[in-house]
Amino acid sequence: MLEYFKTILAKVSFDKKLFEKELRKAIHSVIGEELEELKRWCYAKFGHLYGNVLEEQFLLAG
């Protein structure tokens, strides 16, 4: 599932709202270590664009 969500997030990264929506889906769909890997990957790839979105969504995921 993780690789699927990486692909989706990369494809929708042009639109902030769509990216945020898909990120929420991804966060709620992956478990355990996959969530940490998703977080690291997102910050590395999109941190410069959507750092505040990432921070908010990963904080809510707890």
PDB file of N, CA and C in Angstrom:
ATOM      1  N   MET A   1       0.819  -1.206   0.000  1.00  0.00           N
ATOM      2  CA  MET A   1       0.000   0.000   0.000  1.00  0.00           C
ATOM      3  C   MET A   1       0.860   1.266   0.000  1.00  0.00           C
ATOM      4  N   LEU A   2       1.976   1.199   0.692  1.00  0.00           N
ATOM      5  CA  LEU A   2       2.826   2.386   0.809  1.00  0.00           C
ATOM      6  C   LEU A   2       3.268   2.883  -0.569  1.00  0.00           C
ATOM      7  N   GLU A   3       3.714   1.982  -1.403  1.00  0.00           N
ATOM      8  CA  GLU A   3       4.173   2.388  -2.735  1.00  0.00           C
ATOM      9  C   GLU A   3       3.028   2.972  -3.554  1.00  0.00           C
ATOM     10  N   TYR A   4       1.848   2.435  -3.392  1.00  0.00           N
ATOM     11  CA  TYR A   4       0.662   2.957  -4.071  1.00  0.00           C
ATOM     12  C   TYR A   4       0.432   4.415  -3.665  1.00  0.00           C
ATOM     13  N   PHE A   5       0.463   4.681  -2.360  1.00  0.00           N
ATOM     14  CA  PHE A   5       0.215   6.049  -1.890  1.00  0.00           C
ATOM     15  C   PHE A   5       1.336   7.003  -2.285  1.00  0.00           C
ATOM     16  N   LYS A   6       2.555   6.525  -2.352  1.00  0.00           N
ATOM     17  CA  LYS A   6       3.653   7.373  -2.825  1.00  0.00           C
ATOM     18  C   LYS A   6       3.378   7.815  -4.261  1.00  0.00           C
ATOM     19  N   THR A   7       2.919   6.880  -5.079  1.00  0.00           N
ATOM     20  CA  THR A   7       2.608   7.191  -6.477  1.00  0.00           C
ATOM     21  C   THR A   7       1.485   8.211  -6.563  1.00  0.00           C
ATOM     22  N   ILE A   8       0.430   7.987  -5.800  1.00  0.00           N
ATOM     23  CA  ILE A   8      -0.720   8.901  -5.812  1.00  0.00           C
ATOM     24  C   ILE A   8      -0.306  10.295  -5.359  1.00  0.00           C
ATOM     25  N   LEU A   9       0.427  10.369  -4.253  1.00  0.00           N
ATOM     26  CA  LEU A   9       0.838  11.678  -3.730  1.00  0.00           C
ATOM     27  C   LEU A   9       1.716  12.423  -4.721  1.00  0.00           C
ATOM     28  N   ALA A  10       2.598  11.710  -5.390  1.00  0.00           N
ATOM     29  CA  ALA A  10       3.444  12.356  -6.393  1.00  0.00           C
ATOM     30  C   ALA A  10       2.606  12.908  -7.548  1.00  0.00           C
ATOM     31  N   LYS A  11       1.565  12.166  -7.928  1.00  0.00           N
ATOM     32  CA  LYS A  11       0.732  12.593  -9.049  1.00  0.00           C
ATOM     33  C   LYS A  11      -0.171  13.773  -8.709  1.00  0.00           C
ATOM     34  N   VAL A  12      -0.567  13.914  -7.462  1.00  0.00           N
ATOM     35  CA  VAL A  12      -1.480  15.011  -7.095  1.00  0.00           C
ATOM     36  C   VAL A  12      -0.754  16.183  -6.428  1.00  0.00           C
ATOM     37  N   SER A  13       0.544  16.151  -6.414  1.00  0.00           N
ATOM     38  CA  SER A  13       1.312  17.174  -5.696  1.00  0.00           C
ATOM     39  C   SER A  13       1.176  18.571  -6.310  1.00  0.00           C
ATOM     40  N   PHE A  14       0.588  18.666  -7.479  1.00  0.00           N
ATOM     41  CA  PHE A  14       0.390  19.977  -8.113  1.00  0.00           C
ATOM     42  C   PHE A  14      -0.727  20.780  -7.450  1.00  0.00           C
ATOM     43  N   ASP A  15      -1.584  20.107  -6.668  1.00  0.00           N
ATOM     44  CA  ASP A  15      -2.752  20.756  -6.069  1.00  0.00           C
ATOM     45  C   ASP A  15      -2.742  20.533  -4.561  1.00  0.00           C
ATOM     46  N   LYS A  16      -2.643  21.617  -3.799  1.00  0.00           N
ATOM     47  CA  LYS A  16      -2.506  21.523  -2.344  1.00  0.00           C
ATOM     48  C   LYS A  16      -3.678  20.795  -1.689  1.00  0.00           C
ATOM     49  N   LYS A  17      -4.897  21.139  -2.055  1.00  0.00           N
ATOM     50  CA  LYS A  17      -6.073  20.525  -1.425  1.00  0.00           C
ATOM     51  C   LYS A  17      -6.173  19.034  -1.746  1.00  0.00           C
ATOM     52  N   LEU A  18      -5.915  18.690  -2.984  1.00  0.00           N
ATOM     53  CA  LEU A  18      -5.948  17.287  -3.384  1.00  0.00           C
ATOM     54  C   LEU A  18      -4.828  16.507  -2.693  1.00  0.00           C
ATOM     55  N   PHE A  19      -3.654  17.116  -2.608  1.00  0.00           N
ATOM     56  CA  PHE A  19      -2.532  16.483  -1.918  1.00  0.00           C
ATOM     57  C   PHE A  19      -2.895  16.210  -0.461  1.00  0.00           C
ATOM     58  N   GLU A  20      -3.492  17.193   0.194  1.00  0.00           N
ATOM     59  CA  GLU A  20      -3.868  17.041   1.598  1.00  0.00           C
ATOM     60  C   GLU A  20      -4.899  15.931   1.775  1.00  0.00           C
ATOM     61  N   LYS A  21      -5.867  15.877   0.885  1.00  0.00           N
ATOM     62  CA  LYS A  21      -6.903  14.842   0.940  1.00  0.00           C
ATOM     63  C   LYS A  21      -6.284  13.449   0.790  1.00  0.00           C
ATOM     64  N   GLU A  22      -5.414  13.283  -0.182  1.00  0.00           N
ATOM     65  CA  GLU A  22      -4.785  11.986  -0.419  1.00  0.00           C
ATOM     66  C   GLU A  22      -3.806  11.638   0.698  1.00  0.00           C
ATOM     67  N   LEU A  23      -3.159  12.627   1.272  1.00  0.00           N
ATOM     68  CA  LEU A  23      -2.260  12.386   2.393  1.00  0.00           C
ATOM     69  C   LEU A  23      -3.040  11.849   3.583  1.00  0.00           C
ATOM     70  N   ARG A  24      -4.203  12.430   3.853  1.00  0.00           N
ATOM     71  CA  ARG A  24      -5.048  11.931   4.949  1.00  0.00           C
ATOM     72  C   ARG A  24      -5.419  10.470   4.724  1.00  0.00           C
ATOM     73  N   LYS A  25      -5.805  10.140   3.498  1.00  0.00           N
ATOM     74  CA  LYS A  25      -6.142   8.747   3.176  1.00  0.00           C
ATOM     75  C   LYS A  25      -4.940   7.840   3.424  1.00  0.00           C
ATOM     76  N   ALA A  26      -3.787   8.281   2.970  1.00  0.00           N
ATOM     77  CA  ALA A  26      -2.576   7.472   3.116  1.00  0.00           C
ATOM     78  C   ALA A  26      -2.241   7.250   4.586  1.00  0.00           C
ATOM     79  N   ILE A  27      -2.301   8.298   5.372  1.00  0.00           N
ATOM     80  CA  ILE A  27      -1.968   8.202   6.800  1.00  0.00           C
ATOM     81  C   ILE A  27      -2.895   7.222   7.500  1.00  0.00           C
ATOM     82  N   HIS A  28      -4.163   7.215   7.140  1.00  0.00           N
ATOM     83  CA  HIS A  28      -5.118   6.328   7.797  1.00  0.00           C
ATOM     84  C   HIS A  28      -5.080   4.906   7.252  1.00  0.00           C
ATOM     85  N   SER A  29      -4.391   4.697   6.133  1.00  0.00           N
ATOM     86  CA  SER A  29      -4.357   3.371   5.515  1.00  0.00           C
ATOM     87  C   SER A  29      -3.096   2.570   5.829  1.00  0.00           C
ATOM     88  N   VAL A  30      -2.009   3.256   6.103  1.00  0.00           N
ATOM     89  CA  VAL A  30      -0.766   2.529   6.400  1.00  0.00           C
ATOM     90  C   VAL A  30      -0.623   2.356   7.908  1.00  0.00           C
ATOM     91  N   ILE A  31       0.155   1.362   8.301  1.00  0.00           N
ATOM     92  CA  ILE A  31       0.300   1.071   9.728  1.00  0.00           C
ATOM     93  C   ILE A  31       1.773   0.903  10.101  1.00  0.00           C
ATOM     94  N   GLY A  32       2.034   1.090  11.376  1.00  0.00           N
ATOM     95  CA  GLY A  32       3.353   0.815  11.944  1.00  0.00           C
ATOM     96  C   GLY A  32       4.493   1.540  11.276  1.00  0.00           C
ATOM     97  N   GLU A  33       5.484   0.745  10.894  1.00  0.00           N
ATOM     98  CA  GLU A  33       6.698   1.307  10.294  1.00  0.00           C
ATOM     99  C   GLU A  33       6.421   1.981   8.960  1.00  0.00           C
ATOM    100  N   GLU A  34       5.386   1.529   8.262  1.00  0.00           N
ATOM    101  CA  GLU A  34       5.046   2.160   6.988  1.00  0.00           C
ATOM    102  C   GLU A  34       4.672   3.626   7.188  1.00  0.00           C
ATOM    103  N   LEU A  35       4.029   3.941   8.297  1.00  0.00           N
ATOM    104  CA  LEU A  35       3.661   5.329   8.573  1.00  0.00           C
ATOM    105  C   LEU A  35       4.906   6.184   8.758  1.00  0.00           C
ATOM    106  N   GLU A  36       5.886   5.659   9.469  1.00  0.00           N
ATOM    107  CA  GLU A  36       7.143   6.406   9.652  1.00  0.00           C
ATOM    108  C   GLU A  36       7.872   6.585   8.330  1.00  0.00           C
ATOM    109  N   GLU A  37       7.860   5.538   7.505  1.00  0.00           N
ATOM    110  CA  GLU A  37       8.506   5.638   6.199  1.00  0.00           C
ATOM    111  C   GLU A  37       7.791   6.652   5.315  1.00  0.00           C
ATOM    112  N   LEU A  38       6.451   6.641   5.365  1.00  0.00           N
ATOM    113  CA  LEU A  38       5.664   7.615   4.603  1.00  0.00           C
ATOM    114  C   LEU A  38       6.011   9.029   5.047  1.00  0.00           C
ATOM    115  N   LYS A  39       6.098   9.226   6.336  1.00  0.00           N
ATOM    116  CA  LYS A  39       6.413  10.543   6.881  1.00  0.00           C
ATOM    117  C   LYS A  39       7.783  11.023   6.393  1.00  0.00           C
ATOM    118  N   ARG A  40       8.791  10.171   6.497  1.00  0.00           N
ATOM    119  CA  ARG A  40      10.144  10.545   6.043  1.00  0.00           C
ATOM    120  C   ARG A  40      10.146  10.871   4.550  1.00  0.00           C
ATOM    121  N   TRP A  41       9.481  10.035   3.774  1.00  0.00           N
ATOM    122  CA  TRP A  41       9.437  10.227   2.329  1.00  0.00           C
ATOM    123  C   TRP A  41       8.728  11.530   1.975  1.00  0.00           C
ATOM    124  N   CYS A  42       7.607  11.784   2.602  1.00  0.00           N
ATOM    125  CA  CYS A  42       6.839  13.008   2.328  1.00  0.00           C
ATOM    126  C   CYS A  42       7.650  14.258   2.641  1.00  0.00           C
ATOM    127  N   TYR A  43       8.310  14.269   3.789  1.00  0.00           N
ATOM    128  CA  TYR A  43       9.105  15.451   4.142  1.00  0.00           C
ATOM    129  C   TYR A  43      10.273  15.630   3.179  1.00  0.00           C
ATOM    130  N   ALA A  44      10.897  14.532   2.769  1.00  0.00           N
ATOM    131  CA  ALA A  44      12.019  14.631   1.837  1.00  0.00           C
ATOM    132  C   ALA A  44      11.568  15.121   0.461  1.00  0.00           C
ATOM    133  N   LYS A  45      10.428  14.645   0.012  1.00  0.00           N
ATOM    134  CA  LYS A  45       9.967  14.956  -1.339  1.00  0.00           C
ATOM    135  C   LYS A  45       9.137  16.239  -1.420  1.00  0.00           C
ATOM    136  N   PHE A  46       8.312  16.498  -0.412  1.00  0.00           N
ATOM    137  CA  PHE A  46       7.360  17.606  -0.490  1.00  0.00           C
ATOM    138  C   PHE A  46       7.476  18.631   0.628  1.00  0.00           C
ATOM    139  N   GLY A  47       8.432  18.471   1.499  1.00  0.00           N
ATOM    140  CA  GLY A  47       8.582  19.376   2.634  1.00  0.00           C
ATOM    141  C   GLY A  47       8.718  20.830   2.237  1.00  0.00           C
ATOM    142  N   HIS A  48       9.410  21.077   1.136  1.00  0.00           N
ATOM    143  CA  HIS A  48       9.605  22.457   0.676  1.00  0.00           C
ATOM    144  C   HIS A  48       8.319  23.072   0.135  1.00  0.00           C
ATOM    145  N   LEU A  49       7.409  22.235  -0.355  1.00  0.00           N
ATOM    146  CA  LEU A  49       6.136  22.732  -0.900  1.00  0.00           C
ATOM    147  C   LEU A  49       5.022  22.783   0.148  1.00  0.00           C
ATOM    148  N   TYR A  50       4.915  21.687   0.886  1.00  0.00           N
ATOM    149  CA  TYR A  50       3.762  21.508   1.765  1.00  0.00           C
ATOM    150  C   TYR A  50       4.156  21.180   3.200  1.00  0.00           C
ATOM    151  N   GLY A  51       5.217  21.779   3.684  1.00  0.00           N
ATOM    152  CA  GLY A  51       5.677  21.507   5.042  1.00  0.00           C
ATOM    153  C   GLY A  51       4.594  21.694   6.087  1.00  0.00           C
ATOM    154  N   ASN A  52       3.809  22.773   5.956  1.00  0.00           N
ATOM    155  CA  ASN A  52       2.754  23.028   6.940  1.00  0.00           C
ATOM    156  C   ASN A  52       1.636  21.994   6.861  1.00  0.00           C
ATOM    157  N   VAL A  53       1.299  21.528   5.670  1.00  0.00           N
ATOM    158  CA  VAL A  53       0.279  20.488   5.496  1.00  0.00           C
ATOM    159  C   VAL A  53       0.768  19.184   6.115  1.00  0.00           C
ATOM    160  N   LEU A  54       2.006  18.839   5.844  1.00  0.00           N
ATOM    161  CA  LEU A  54       2.584  17.609   6.393  1.00  0.00           C
ATOM    162  C   LEU A  54       2.593  17.649   7.909  1.00  0.00           C
ATOM    163  N   GLU A  55       3.043  18.761   8.448  1.00  0.00           N
ATOM    164  CA  GLU A  55       3.116  18.919   9.901  1.00  0.00           C
ATOM    165  C   GLU A  55       1.739  18.717  10.523  1.00  0.00           C
ATOM    166  N   GLU A  56       0.752  19.378   9.974  1.00  0.00           N
ATOM    167  CA  GLU A  56      -0.611  19.298  10.514  1.00  0.00           C
ATOM    168  C   GLU A  56      -1.169  17.881  10.430  1.00  0.00           C
ATOM    169  N   GLN A  57      -1.050  17.257   9.287  1.00  0.00           N
ATOM    170  CA  GLN A  57      -1.651  15.939   9.092  1.00  0.00           C
ATOM    171  C   GLN A  57      -0.949  14.846   9.902  1.00  0.00           C
ATOM    172  N   PHE A  58       0.367  14.902   9.981  1.00  0.00           N
ATOM    173  CA  PHE A  58       1.071  13.896  10.776  1.00  0.00           C
ATOM    174  C   PHE A  58       0.874  14.131  12.268  1.00  0.00           C
ATOM    175  N   LEU A  59       0.683  15.372  12.657  1.00  0.00           N
ATOM    176  CA  LEU A  59       0.391  15.677  14.058  1.00  0.00           C
ATOM    177  C   LEU A  59      -0.981  15.121  14.428  1.00  0.00           C
ATOM    178  N   LEU A  60      -1.959  15.299  13.558  1.00  0.00           N
ATOM    179  CA  LEU A  60      -3.306  14.780  13.809  1.00  0.00           C
ATOM    180  C   LEU A  60      -3.322  13.258  13.865  1.00  0.00           C
ATOM    181  N   ALA A  61      -2.415  12.627  13.112  1.00  0.00           N
ATOM    182  CA  ALA A  61      -2.350  11.171  13.089  1.00  0.00           C
ATOM    183  C   ALA A  61      -1.845  10.619  14.425  1.00  0.00           C
ATOM    184  N   GLY A  62      -1.128  11.468  15.141  1.00  0.00           N
ATOM    185  CA  GLY A  62      -0.698  11.189  16.477  1.00  0.00           C
ATOM    186  C   GLY A  62       0.384  10.239  16.682  1.00  0.00           C
TER     187      GLY A  62
END
